[in-house]
C-alpha cells in the first residue's frame, strides 16, 4: 500500500506518518522509486501501537523511541517487558545504574509471596517507597505488607498472563503497555471505592 492508504487504514495523518518516519519510530517502506514507497500491515500495526502509547498511555516521542529501539533490536522478552513497565509506571532508573536497593520490609514481602529474589526496577521502587514512608514516621508493619501483597499477587499474575501472550512484538508492547496502564488505574479506582465504602459504613451506620 502507498502512504495515502496507510494513512487511511491506520487512522493517522500523512504528516504524522512522515514525522514518525523521520524520528525513526516507523520503519521505512520498501522503495519503489525515488518518490514512492510501499508499506505493509506491519506498518499499520506499528502506527496503531505508536498512537496507543501516545494517546492512551501518554508517552512522549523519546519514551516511545526507547521502547521500540529495544523491540527492533531483538531484546529478550523479559528485558522488553521490564522497559515497558519502567516507562509506563514511571519507575526509577534501572538498578544496574544505581545499585540494588534493599530494605528489611521489601525482602520480607518477597519471601512471603515466594517471588524471585532478584533485583528489578519494581523491587527498587517498592523499597524506596517503604524507606520514604518510614522516614516520614508512617509505619509499614509486615502484616500490612502481607495483606497488600497477597491481594496484588493474583492481580499481577493475571495481568501478565493477559497482556503478554501475543507473539507479534508490536501487539506484545500494545497489550503490555496499555494493559499495565489501564489495569493499574483500575486497581487504584477499585481501591478508592473500597476505601470510600468502608468509610461510609464506619461513619454513616445503616447506610
N, C-alpha and C. Protein backbone atom coordinates (compact mmCIF):
# COMPACT_ATOMS: atom_id res chain seq x y z
N UNK A 1 0.85 -1.19 0.00
CA UNK A 1 0.00 0.00 0.00
C UNK A 1 0.88 1.24 0.00
N UNK A 2 0.35 2.32 -0.52
CA UNK A 2 1.07 3.58 -0.54
C UNK A 2 0.71 4.41 0.68
N UNK A 3 1.34 5.56 0.81
CA UNK A 3 1.19 6.39 2.00
C UNK A 3 -0.27 6.76 2.27
N UNK A 4 -1.00 7.11 1.24
CA UNK A 4 -2.39 7.52 1.42
C UNK A 4 -3.22 6.39 2.01
N UNK A 5 -3.06 5.19 1.48
CA UNK A 5 -3.82 4.04 2.00
C UNK A 5 -3.37 3.69 3.42
N UNK A 6 -2.09 3.78 3.67
CA UNK A 6 -1.57 3.53 5.02
C UNK A 6 -2.20 4.50 6.01
N UNK A 7 -2.29 5.76 5.61
CA UNK A 7 -2.89 6.78 6.46
C UNK A 7 -4.35 6.45 6.76
N UNK A 8 -5.08 6.03 5.74
CA UNK A 8 -6.50 5.71 5.91
C UNK A 8 -6.69 4.48 6.78
N UNK A 9 -5.90 3.45 6.57
CA UNK A 9 -6.07 2.20 7.32
C UNK A 9 -5.67 2.37 8.78
N UNK A 10 -4.63 3.14 9.03
CA UNK A 10 -4.14 3.30 10.41
C UNK A 10 -4.86 4.43 11.14
N UNK A 11 -5.57 5.29 10.40
CA UNK A 11 -6.23 6.43 11.02
C UNK A 11 -5.25 7.47 11.51
N UNK A 12 -4.14 7.60 10.79
CA UNK A 12 -3.09 8.55 11.16
C UNK A 12 -2.82 9.45 9.96
N UNK A 13 -2.68 10.74 10.19
CA UNK A 13 -2.46 11.67 9.08
C UNK A 13 -1.13 11.39 8.38
N UNK A 14 -1.08 11.75 7.12
CA UNK A 14 0.15 11.58 6.34
C UNK A 14 1.29 12.38 6.97
N UNK A 15 0.97 13.56 7.49
CA UNK A 15 2.00 14.39 8.11
C UNK A 15 2.58 13.70 9.34
N UNK A 16 1.74 13.05 10.12
CA UNK A 16 2.22 12.34 11.32
C UNK A 16 3.07 11.14 10.92
N UNK A 17 2.64 10.43 9.87
CA UNK A 17 3.41 9.28 9.40
C UNK A 17 4.81 9.72 8.98
N UNK A 18 4.89 10.83 8.25
CA UNK A 18 6.20 11.34 7.81
C UNK A 18 7.05 11.74 9.01
N UNK A 19 6.41 12.28 10.04
CA UNK A 19 7.14 12.64 11.26
C UNK A 19 7.69 11.39 11.94
N UNK A 20 6.87 10.34 12.05
CA UNK A 20 7.33 9.10 12.69
C UNK A 20 8.45 8.45 11.89
N UNK A 21 8.38 8.57 10.57
CA UNK A 21 9.47 8.06 9.73
C UNK A 21 10.76 8.81 10.01
N UNK A 22 10.68 10.14 10.08
CA UNK A 22 11.86 10.96 10.34
C UNK A 22 12.46 10.66 11.72
N UNK A 23 11.58 10.43 12.69
CA UNK A 23 12.02 10.19 14.06
C UNK A 23 12.49 8.76 14.30
N UNK A 24 12.34 7.92 13.30
CA UNK A 24 12.79 6.53 13.43
C UNK A 24 11.84 5.64 14.22
N UNK A 25 10.62 6.11 14.46
CA UNK A 25 9.64 5.28 15.16
C UNK A 25 8.99 4.27 14.23
N UNK A 26 8.88 4.64 12.97
CA UNK A 26 8.26 3.80 11.95
C UNK A 26 9.31 3.39 10.93
N UNK A 27 9.44 2.08 10.67
CA UNK A 27 10.43 1.64 9.67
C UNK A 27 10.09 2.20 8.29
N UNK A 28 11.10 2.43 7.51
CA UNK A 28 10.89 2.94 6.15
C UNK A 28 10.16 1.88 5.32
N UNK A 29 9.38 2.35 4.36
CA UNK A 29 8.72 1.43 3.44
C UNK A 29 9.70 0.93 2.39
N UNK A 30 9.22 -0.02 1.59
CA UNK A 30 10.05 -0.55 0.51
C UNK A 30 10.04 0.44 -0.66
N UNK A 31 11.20 0.91 -1.02
CA UNK A 31 11.30 1.93 -2.07
C UNK A 31 10.93 1.34 -3.43
N UNK A 32 9.95 1.98 -4.07
CA UNK A 32 9.54 1.58 -5.41
C UNK A 32 10.29 2.41 -6.43
N UNK A 33 10.29 3.72 -6.21
CA UNK A 33 11.17 4.61 -6.97
C UNK A 33 11.42 5.84 -6.11
N UNK A 34 12.05 6.85 -6.65
CA UNK A 34 12.55 7.97 -5.85
C UNK A 34 11.47 8.65 -5.02
N UNK A 35 10.25 8.65 -5.47
CA UNK A 35 9.20 9.40 -4.76
C UNK A 35 8.08 8.50 -4.23
N UNK A 36 8.29 7.18 -4.25
CA UNK A 36 7.22 6.30 -3.81
C UNK A 36 7.78 5.13 -3.01
N UNK A 37 7.06 4.78 -1.94
CA UNK A 37 7.43 3.61 -1.15
C UNK A 37 6.17 2.79 -0.87
N UNK A 38 6.35 1.50 -0.69
CA UNK A 38 5.25 0.60 -0.39
C UNK A 38 5.30 0.21 1.09
N UNK A 39 4.12 0.19 1.71
CA UNK A 39 4.01 -0.15 3.13
C UNK A 39 3.17 -1.41 3.29
N UNK A 40 3.31 -2.03 4.45
CA UNK A 40 2.64 -3.30 4.69
C UNK A 40 1.80 -3.24 5.97
N UNK A 41 1.18 -4.38 6.29
CA UNK A 41 0.39 -4.48 7.53
C UNK A 41 1.27 -4.23 8.75
N UNK A 42 2.56 -4.53 8.64
CA UNK A 42 3.48 -4.29 9.75
C UNK A 42 3.53 -2.80 10.08
N UNK A 43 3.43 -1.96 9.07
CA UNK A 43 3.44 -0.51 9.31
C UNK A 43 2.13 -0.05 9.95
N UNK A 44 1.03 -0.67 9.56
CA UNK A 44 -0.26 -0.36 10.18
C UNK A 44 -0.21 -0.69 11.66
N UNK A 45 0.31 -1.89 11.98
CA UNK A 45 0.41 -2.33 13.37
C UNK A 45 1.29 -1.40 14.19
N UNK A 46 2.42 -0.98 13.61
CA UNK A 46 3.33 -0.09 14.32
C UNK A 46 2.69 1.28 14.56
N UNK A 47 1.97 1.79 13.58
CA UNK A 47 1.30 3.09 13.75
C UNK A 47 0.22 3.02 14.83
N UNK A 48 -0.53 1.93 14.86
CA UNK A 48 -1.55 1.77 15.90
C UNK A 48 -0.91 1.71 17.28
N UNK A 49 0.24 1.06 17.36
CA UNK A 49 0.97 0.98 18.62
C UNK A 49 1.43 2.37 19.06
N UNK A 50 2.04 3.12 18.15
CA UNK A 50 2.53 4.46 18.47
C UNK A 50 1.39 5.34 18.97
N UNK A 51 0.25 5.28 18.28
CA UNK A 51 -0.89 6.10 18.67
C UNK A 51 -1.40 5.72 20.06
N UNK A 52 -1.44 4.43 20.36
CA UNK A 52 -1.90 3.98 21.67
C UNK A 52 -0.94 4.43 22.77
N UNK A 53 0.35 4.32 22.51
CA UNK A 53 1.33 4.74 23.50
C UNK A 53 1.25 6.25 23.75
N UNK A 54 0.97 7.00 22.72
CA UNK A 54 0.86 8.46 22.86
C UNK A 54 -0.45 8.87 23.53
N UNK A 55 -1.58 8.39 22.98
CA UNK A 55 -2.88 8.91 23.37
C UNK A 55 -3.47 8.23 24.61
N UNK A 56 -3.21 6.93 24.78
CA UNK A 56 -3.79 6.21 25.91
C UNK A 56 -2.85 6.24 27.11
N UNK A 57 -1.60 5.89 26.87
CA UNK A 57 -0.63 5.80 27.97
C UNK A 57 0.00 7.16 28.27
N UNK A 58 0.11 8.03 27.25
CA UNK A 58 0.65 9.36 27.47
C UNK A 58 2.16 9.46 27.37
N UNK A 59 2.79 8.55 26.62
CA UNK A 59 4.24 8.59 26.48
C UNK A 59 4.64 9.63 25.44
N UNK A 60 5.85 10.18 25.61
CA UNK A 60 6.36 11.13 24.63
C UNK A 60 7.20 10.41 23.58
N UNK A 61 7.66 11.16 22.59
CA UNK A 61 8.39 10.57 21.47
C UNK A 61 9.64 9.83 21.93
N UNK A 62 10.40 10.41 22.84
CA UNK A 62 11.63 9.78 23.28
C UNK A 62 11.36 8.48 24.04
N UNK A 63 10.33 8.47 24.87
CA UNK A 63 9.97 7.25 25.60
C UNK A 63 9.55 6.14 24.64
N UNK A 64 8.76 6.51 23.64
CA UNK A 64 8.33 5.52 22.65
C UNK A 64 9.53 5.01 21.87
N UNK A 65 10.41 5.91 21.48
CA UNK A 65 11.60 5.52 20.72
C UNK A 65 12.44 4.52 21.50
N UNK A 66 12.63 4.74 22.78
CA UNK A 66 13.46 3.84 23.59
C UNK A 66 12.87 2.44 23.66
N UNK A 67 11.55 2.35 23.79
CA UNK A 67 10.90 1.04 23.82
C UNK A 67 11.01 0.35 22.47
N UNK A 68 10.74 1.09 21.41
CA UNK A 68 10.77 0.49 20.07
C UNK A 68 12.19 0.10 19.66
N UNK A 69 13.18 0.86 20.13
CA UNK A 69 14.56 0.53 19.82
C UNK A 69 14.92 -0.85 20.41
N UNK A 70 14.46 -1.10 21.62
CA UNK A 70 14.69 -2.41 22.23
C UNK A 70 13.99 -3.50 21.44
N UNK A 71 12.73 -3.24 21.09
CA UNK A 71 11.95 -4.24 20.35
C UNK A 71 12.58 -4.55 19.00
N UNK A 72 12.94 -3.52 18.27
CA UNK A 72 13.52 -3.72 16.94
C UNK A 72 14.93 -4.30 17.01
N UNK A 73 15.58 -4.13 18.16
CA UNK A 73 16.93 -4.68 18.33
C UNK A 73 16.92 -6.12 18.79
N UNK A 74 15.73 -6.70 18.94
CA UNK A 74 15.63 -8.11 19.32
C UNK A 74 15.88 -8.37 20.79
N UNK A 75 15.58 -7.40 21.65
CA UNK A 75 15.78 -7.59 23.09
C UNK A 75 14.95 -8.76 23.60
N UNK A 76 15.47 -9.52 24.56
CA UNK A 76 14.69 -10.62 25.15
C UNK A 76 13.37 -10.09 25.71
N UNK A 77 12.35 -10.95 25.72
CA UNK A 77 11.02 -10.51 26.14
C UNK A 77 11.03 -9.94 27.55
N UNK A 78 11.76 -10.58 28.47
CA UNK A 78 11.78 -10.10 29.85
C UNK A 78 12.37 -8.69 29.92
N UNK A 79 13.43 -8.44 29.17
CA UNK A 79 14.05 -7.10 29.16
C UNK A 79 13.09 -6.08 28.57
N UNK A 80 12.38 -6.47 27.51
CA UNK A 80 11.44 -5.56 26.86
C UNK A 80 10.28 -5.23 27.80
N UNK A 81 9.75 -6.25 28.48
CA UNK A 81 8.64 -6.02 29.40
C UNK A 81 9.07 -5.16 30.58
N UNK A 82 10.30 -5.35 31.04
CA UNK A 82 10.82 -4.53 32.14
C UNK A 82 10.90 -3.07 31.72
N UNK A 83 11.33 -2.84 30.48
CA UNK A 83 11.42 -1.46 29.97
C UNK A 83 10.04 -0.83 29.84
N UNK A 84 9.07 -1.62 29.37
CA UNK A 84 7.70 -1.13 29.26
C UNK A 84 7.16 -0.78 30.64
N UNK A 85 7.36 -1.67 31.60
CA UNK A 85 6.87 -1.42 32.96
C UNK A 85 7.53 -0.19 33.55
N UNK A 86 8.85 -0.09 33.40
CA UNK A 86 9.59 1.04 33.95
C UNK A 86 9.07 2.37 33.37
N UNK A 87 8.77 2.38 32.08
CA UNK A 87 8.32 3.60 31.42
C UNK A 87 6.86 3.91 31.74
N UNK A 88 6.00 2.92 31.62
CA UNK A 88 4.57 3.14 31.80
C UNK A 88 4.23 3.49 33.24
N UNK A 89 4.87 2.79 34.19
CA UNK A 89 4.56 3.01 35.60
C UNK A 89 5.49 4.03 36.25
N UNK A 90 6.34 4.67 35.43
CA UNK A 90 7.22 5.75 35.91
C UNK A 90 8.11 5.28 37.05
N UNK A 91 8.68 4.08 36.92
CA UNK A 91 9.62 3.60 37.92
C UNK A 91 10.95 4.29 37.73
N UNK A 92 11.77 4.27 38.75
CA UNK A 92 13.06 4.95 38.68
C UNK A 92 14.03 4.19 37.80
N UNK A 93 15.20 4.78 37.63
CA UNK A 93 16.22 4.20 36.75
C UNK A 93 16.58 2.79 37.18
N UNK A 94 17.10 2.03 36.24
CA UNK A 94 17.43 0.63 36.47
C UNK A 94 18.40 0.45 37.63
N UNK A 95 18.19 -0.65 38.37
CA UNK A 95 19.08 -0.96 39.50
C UNK A 95 20.51 -1.17 39.04
N UNK A 96 20.70 -1.54 37.77
CA UNK A 96 22.06 -1.73 37.29
C UNK A 96 22.79 -0.40 37.21
N UNK A 97 22.03 0.71 37.14
CA UNK A 97 22.65 2.02 37.07
C UNK A 97 22.86 2.60 38.46
N UNK A 98 21.96 2.29 39.40
CA UNK A 98 22.01 2.94 40.71
C UNK A 98 22.42 2.00 41.84
N UNK A 99 22.51 0.73 41.55
CA UNK A 99 22.80 -0.23 42.61
C UNK A 99 21.51 -0.76 43.21
N UNK A 100 21.57 -2.00 43.65
CA UNK A 100 20.39 -2.67 44.21
C UNK A 100 20.02 -2.03 45.55
N UNK A 101 18.75 -1.70 45.72
CA UNK A 101 18.26 -1.11 46.96
C UNK A 101 17.54 -2.18 47.76
N UNK A 102 17.88 -2.31 49.04
CA UNK A 102 17.26 -3.34 49.87
C UNK A 102 16.70 -2.71 51.14
N UNK A 103 15.56 -3.23 51.58
CA UNK A 103 15.01 -2.90 52.88
C UNK A 103 14.54 -4.20 53.52
N UNK A 104 14.48 -4.20 54.82
CA UNK A 104 14.03 -5.40 55.53
C UNK A 104 12.60 -5.75 55.14
N UNK A 105 11.76 -4.73 55.03
CA UNK A 105 10.36 -4.97 54.68
C UNK A 105 10.23 -5.51 53.26
N UNK A 106 11.00 -4.91 52.33
CA UNK A 106 10.94 -5.37 50.95
C UNK A 106 11.41 -6.80 50.80
N UNK A 107 12.49 -7.15 51.48
CA UNK A 107 12.98 -8.53 51.43
C UNK A 107 11.96 -9.48 52.04
N UNK A 108 11.30 -9.03 53.11
CA UNK A 108 10.33 -9.89 53.79
C UNK A 108 9.14 -10.20 52.90
N UNK A 109 8.64 -9.20 52.17
CA UNK A 109 7.47 -9.43 51.34
C UNK A 109 7.80 -10.35 50.17
N UNK A 110 9.02 -10.27 49.65
CA UNK A 110 9.45 -11.19 48.59
C UNK A 110 9.44 -12.63 49.10
N UNK A 111 9.91 -12.82 50.33
CA UNK A 111 9.91 -14.17 50.91
C UNK A 111 8.48 -14.65 51.18
N UNK A 112 7.65 -13.75 51.67
CA UNK A 112 6.26 -14.13 51.99
C UNK A 112 5.53 -14.65 50.75
N UNK A 113 5.72 -13.99 49.64
CA UNK A 113 5.00 -14.35 48.42
C UNK A 113 5.78 -15.35 47.57
N UNK A 114 6.96 -15.73 48.02
CA UNK A 114 7.86 -16.62 47.26
C UNK A 114 8.11 -16.08 45.85
N UNK A 115 8.22 -14.74 45.75
CA UNK A 115 8.59 -14.13 44.48
C UNK A 115 10.09 -14.32 44.27
N UNK A 116 10.57 -14.32 43.02
CA UNK A 116 12.00 -14.50 42.76
C UNK A 116 12.83 -13.44 43.50
N UNK A 117 13.87 -13.90 44.17
CA UNK A 117 14.74 -12.98 44.91
C UNK A 117 15.76 -12.41 43.94
N UNK A 118 15.28 -11.51 43.09
CA UNK A 118 16.12 -10.95 42.03
C UNK A 118 15.91 -9.44 41.97
N UNK A 119 16.97 -8.68 41.65
CA UNK A 119 16.83 -7.22 41.56
C UNK A 119 15.96 -6.82 40.37
N UNK A 120 15.22 -5.76 40.52
CA UNK A 120 14.41 -5.22 39.43
C UNK A 120 14.06 -3.78 39.75
N UNK A 121 13.65 -3.04 38.73
CA UNK A 121 13.22 -1.66 38.95
C UNK A 121 12.00 -1.63 39.88
N UNK A 122 11.11 -2.59 39.71
CA UNK A 122 9.90 -2.64 40.54
C UNK A 122 10.25 -2.88 42.01
N UNK A 123 11.20 -3.78 42.25
CA UNK A 123 11.59 -4.05 43.63
C UNK A 123 12.28 -2.83 44.25
N UNK A 124 13.13 -2.18 43.49
CA UNK A 124 13.77 -0.96 43.98
C UNK A 124 12.74 0.12 44.29
N UNK A 125 11.73 0.24 43.41
CA UNK A 125 10.70 1.25 43.62
C UNK A 125 9.94 0.97 44.92
N UNK A 126 9.64 -0.30 45.18
CA UNK A 126 8.97 -0.65 46.43
C UNK A 126 9.83 -0.30 47.63
N UNK A 127 11.10 -0.67 47.58
CA UNK A 127 11.99 -0.39 48.70
C UNK A 127 12.17 1.11 48.93
N UNK A 128 12.26 1.88 47.86
CA UNK A 128 12.38 3.32 48.01
C UNK A 128 11.11 3.91 48.65
N UNK A 129 9.97 3.37 48.25
CA UNK A 129 8.70 3.87 48.79
C UNK A 129 8.58 3.53 50.27
N UNK A 130 8.95 2.30 50.62
CA UNK A 130 8.91 1.90 52.03
C UNK A 130 9.85 2.76 52.85
N UNK A 131 11.03 3.02 52.33
CA UNK A 131 12.00 3.87 53.04
C UNK A 131 11.45 5.27 53.24
N UNK A 132 10.80 5.81 52.22
CA UNK A 132 10.21 7.15 52.32
C UNK A 132 9.12 7.19 53.39
N UNK A 133 8.26 6.17 53.39
CA UNK A 133 7.20 6.12 54.39
C UNK A 133 7.77 6.08 55.81
N UNK A 134 8.78 5.23 55.98
CA UNK A 134 9.38 5.10 57.31
C UNK A 134 10.06 6.39 57.74
N UNK A 135 10.67 7.10 56.79
CA UNK A 135 11.34 8.36 57.13
C UNK A 135 10.35 9.44 57.55
N UNK A 136 9.09 9.27 57.12
CA UNK A 136 8.04 10.22 57.49
C UNK A 136 7.27 9.77 58.73
N UNK A 137 7.74 8.68 59.32
CA UNK A 137 7.10 8.18 60.53
C UNK A 137 5.84 7.38 60.28
N UNK A 138 5.65 6.95 59.05
CA UNK A 138 4.47 6.14 58.71
C UNK A 138 4.85 4.67 58.81
N UNK A 139 4.22 3.98 59.73
CA UNK A 139 4.56 2.59 59.98
C UNK A 139 4.19 1.69 58.80
N UNK A 140 5.07 0.75 58.48
CA UNK A 140 4.81 -0.23 57.42
C UNK A 140 4.99 -1.62 58.02
N UNK A 141 4.03 -2.07 58.86
CA UNK A 141 4.17 -3.36 59.51
C UNK A 141 4.12 -4.51 58.50
N UNK A 142 4.75 -5.61 58.86
CA UNK A 142 4.78 -6.77 57.97
C UNK A 142 3.38 -7.29 57.69
N UNK A 143 2.49 -7.18 58.67
CA UNK A 143 1.12 -7.65 58.48
C UNK A 143 0.43 -6.88 57.35
N UNK A 144 0.72 -5.58 57.26
CA UNK A 144 0.14 -4.77 56.20
C UNK A 144 0.68 -5.18 54.84
N UNK A 145 2.00 -5.33 54.76
CA UNK A 145 2.61 -5.75 53.50
C UNK A 145 2.13 -7.13 53.09
N UNK A 146 1.93 -8.01 54.06
CA UNK A 146 1.44 -9.36 53.78
C UNK A 146 0.06 -9.29 53.15
N UNK A 147 -0.83 -8.50 53.75
CA UNK A 147 -2.20 -8.39 53.23
C UNK A 147 -2.22 -7.74 51.85
N UNK A 148 -1.46 -6.66 51.68
CA UNK A 148 -1.45 -5.97 50.39
C UNK A 148 -0.83 -6.85 49.29
N UNK A 149 0.30 -7.46 49.60
CA UNK A 149 0.99 -8.26 48.59
C UNK A 149 0.17 -9.48 48.21
N UNK A 150 -0.56 -10.03 49.17
CA UNK A 150 -1.41 -11.19 48.88
C UNK A 150 -2.50 -10.80 47.89
N UNK A 151 -3.05 -9.59 48.07
CA UNK A 151 -4.11 -9.12 47.18
C UNK A 151 -3.61 -8.87 45.77
N UNK A 152 -2.41 -8.28 45.65
CA UNK A 152 -1.93 -7.92 44.31
C UNK A 152 -1.20 -9.06 43.60
N UNK A 153 -0.84 -10.10 44.33
CA UNK A 153 -0.14 -11.22 43.71
C UNK A 153 -0.99 -11.85 42.61
N UNK A 154 -2.24 -12.10 42.91
CA UNK A 154 -3.13 -12.70 41.92
C UNK A 154 -3.39 -11.73 40.78
N UNK A 155 -3.54 -10.44 41.11
CA UNK A 155 -3.76 -9.43 40.08
C UNK A 155 -2.57 -9.37 39.12
N UNK A 156 -1.35 -9.37 39.69
CA UNK A 156 -0.16 -9.32 38.86
C UNK A 156 -0.04 -10.51 37.93
N UNK A 157 -0.34 -11.68 38.45
CA UNK A 157 -0.28 -12.89 37.63
C UNK A 157 -1.27 -12.85 36.48
N UNK A 158 -2.48 -12.39 36.77
CA UNK A 158 -3.49 -12.29 35.73
C UNK A 158 -3.12 -11.24 34.69
N UNK A 159 -2.54 -10.12 35.14
CA UNK A 159 -2.12 -9.08 34.20
C UNK A 159 -1.09 -9.60 33.21
N UNK A 160 -0.07 -10.27 33.73
CA UNK A 160 0.99 -10.77 32.86
C UNK A 160 0.46 -11.82 31.89
N UNK A 161 -0.41 -12.71 32.39
CA UNK A 161 -0.98 -13.74 31.52
C UNK A 161 -1.83 -13.11 30.42
N UNK A 162 -2.55 -12.05 30.75
CA UNK A 162 -3.46 -11.42 29.79
C UNK A 162 -2.77 -10.51 28.79
N UNK A 163 -1.65 -9.91 29.20
CA UNK A 163 -1.06 -8.87 28.36
C UNK A 163 0.21 -9.28 27.64
N UNK A 164 0.69 -10.48 27.84
CA UNK A 164 1.97 -10.84 27.21
C UNK A 164 1.88 -12.07 26.33
N UNK A 165 0.68 -12.45 25.93
CA UNK A 165 0.53 -13.63 25.09
C UNK A 165 0.95 -13.43 23.64
N UNK A 166 0.72 -12.27 23.02
CA UNK A 166 0.99 -12.13 21.58
C UNK A 166 2.44 -12.40 21.20
N UNK A 167 2.61 -13.01 20.04
CA UNK A 167 3.96 -13.25 19.52
C UNK A 167 4.48 -12.04 18.76
N UNK A 168 3.58 -11.31 18.08
CA UNK A 168 3.97 -10.11 17.34
C UNK A 168 4.45 -9.05 18.32
N UNK A 169 5.64 -8.51 18.10
CA UNK A 169 6.24 -7.60 19.08
C UNK A 169 5.44 -6.31 19.23
N UNK A 170 4.84 -5.81 18.15
CA UNK A 170 4.01 -4.61 18.26
C UNK A 170 2.79 -4.87 19.14
N UNK A 171 2.16 -6.03 18.94
CA UNK A 171 0.99 -6.37 19.74
C UNK A 171 1.38 -6.67 21.17
N UNK A 172 2.55 -7.25 21.37
CA UNK A 172 3.05 -7.52 22.73
C UNK A 172 3.19 -6.21 23.50
N UNK A 173 3.85 -5.22 22.88
CA UNK A 173 4.04 -3.94 23.54
C UNK A 173 2.69 -3.25 23.76
N UNK A 174 1.82 -3.34 22.76
CA UNK A 174 0.49 -2.72 22.87
C UNK A 174 -0.26 -3.26 24.08
N UNK A 175 -0.37 -4.58 24.17
CA UNK A 175 -1.15 -5.18 25.26
C UNK A 175 -0.47 -4.97 26.61
N UNK A 176 0.87 -5.05 26.63
CA UNK A 176 1.58 -4.88 27.89
C UNK A 176 1.49 -3.44 28.38
N UNK A 177 1.80 -2.49 27.51
CA UNK A 177 1.82 -1.08 27.92
C UNK A 177 0.43 -0.56 28.26
N UNK A 178 -0.50 -0.77 27.35
CA UNK A 178 -1.87 -0.30 27.59
C UNK A 178 -2.49 -1.07 28.74
N UNK A 179 -2.21 -2.39 28.79
CA UNK A 179 -2.75 -3.20 29.87
C UNK A 179 -2.23 -2.76 31.23
N UNK A 180 -0.91 -2.58 31.34
CA UNK A 180 -0.33 -2.13 32.60
C UNK A 180 -0.92 -0.80 33.04
N UNK A 181 -1.03 0.12 32.09
CA UNK A 181 -1.55 1.45 32.41
C UNK A 181 -2.99 1.39 32.88
N UNK A 182 -3.84 0.73 32.10
CA UNK A 182 -5.26 0.72 32.42
C UNK A 182 -5.58 -0.20 33.60
N UNK A 183 -4.88 -1.34 33.69
CA UNK A 183 -5.11 -2.24 34.83
C UNK A 183 -4.69 -1.57 36.14
N UNK A 184 -3.57 -0.86 36.11
CA UNK A 184 -3.11 -0.16 37.31
C UNK A 184 -4.12 0.89 37.74
N UNK A 185 -4.66 1.62 36.76
CA UNK A 185 -5.67 2.62 37.06
C UNK A 185 -6.94 1.96 37.60
N UNK A 186 -7.28 0.79 37.07
CA UNK A 186 -8.46 0.06 37.54
C UNK A 186 -8.29 -0.34 38.99
N UNK A 187 -7.11 -0.85 39.35
CA UNK A 187 -6.85 -1.24 40.74
C UNK A 187 -6.97 -0.04 41.66
N UNK A 188 -6.41 1.11 41.25
CA UNK A 188 -6.49 2.31 42.08
C UNK A 188 -7.94 2.77 42.25
N UNK A 189 -8.74 2.67 41.18
CA UNK A 189 -10.14 3.08 41.28
C UNK A 189 -10.91 2.14 42.19
N UNK A 190 -10.65 0.84 42.09
CA UNK A 190 -11.30 -0.13 42.96
C UNK A 190 -10.90 0.10 44.42
N UNK A 191 -9.63 0.40 44.64
CA UNK A 191 -9.16 0.68 46.00
C UNK A 191 -9.86 1.92 46.56
N UNK A 192 -9.99 2.95 45.73
CA UNK A 192 -10.67 4.17 46.17
C UNK A 192 -12.12 3.88 46.55
N UNK A 193 -12.79 3.05 45.75
CA UNK A 193 -14.17 2.70 46.04
C UNK A 193 -14.27 1.89 47.33
N UNK A 194 -13.32 0.95 47.52
CA UNK A 194 -13.32 0.16 48.75
C UNK A 194 -13.11 1.04 49.97
N UNK A 195 -12.17 1.98 49.88
CA UNK A 195 -11.91 2.88 51.00
C UNK A 195 -13.14 3.74 51.29
N UNK A 196 -13.76 4.27 50.25
CA UNK A 196 -14.96 5.08 50.42
C UNK A 196 -16.08 4.27 51.05
N UNK A 197 -16.22 3.02 50.62
CA UNK A 197 -17.29 2.17 51.14
C UNK A 197 -17.07 1.85 52.62
N UNK A 198 -15.83 1.56 53.00
CA UNK A 198 -15.54 1.29 54.41
C UNK A 198 -15.76 2.54 55.26
N UNK A 199 -15.41 3.72 54.72
CA UNK A 199 -15.61 4.96 55.45
C UNK A 199 -17.11 5.23 55.65
N UNK A 200 -17.92 4.98 54.64
CA UNK A 200 -19.36 5.18 54.74
C UNK A 200 -19.94 4.27 55.82
N UNK A 201 -19.53 3.01 55.80
CA UNK A 201 -20.04 2.06 56.82
C UNK A 201 -19.65 2.49 58.23
N UNK A 202 -18.45 3.04 58.36
CA UNK A 202 -17.96 3.40 59.68
C UNK A 202 -18.63 4.67 60.21
N UNK A 203 -18.77 5.67 59.33
CA UNK A 203 -19.23 6.98 59.80
C UNK A 203 -20.72 7.24 59.53
N UNK A 204 -21.33 6.37 58.70
CA UNK A 204 -22.77 6.51 58.47
C UNK A 204 -23.43 5.15 58.65
N UNK A 205 -23.52 4.67 59.89
CA UNK A 205 -24.12 3.36 60.15
C UNK A 205 -25.53 3.24 59.57
N UNK A 206 -25.79 2.06 59.06
CA UNK A 206 -27.12 1.83 58.50
C UNK A 206 -27.23 2.15 57.03
N UNK A 207 -26.15 2.71 56.44
CA UNK A 207 -26.17 3.04 55.00
C UNK A 207 -26.05 1.78 54.16
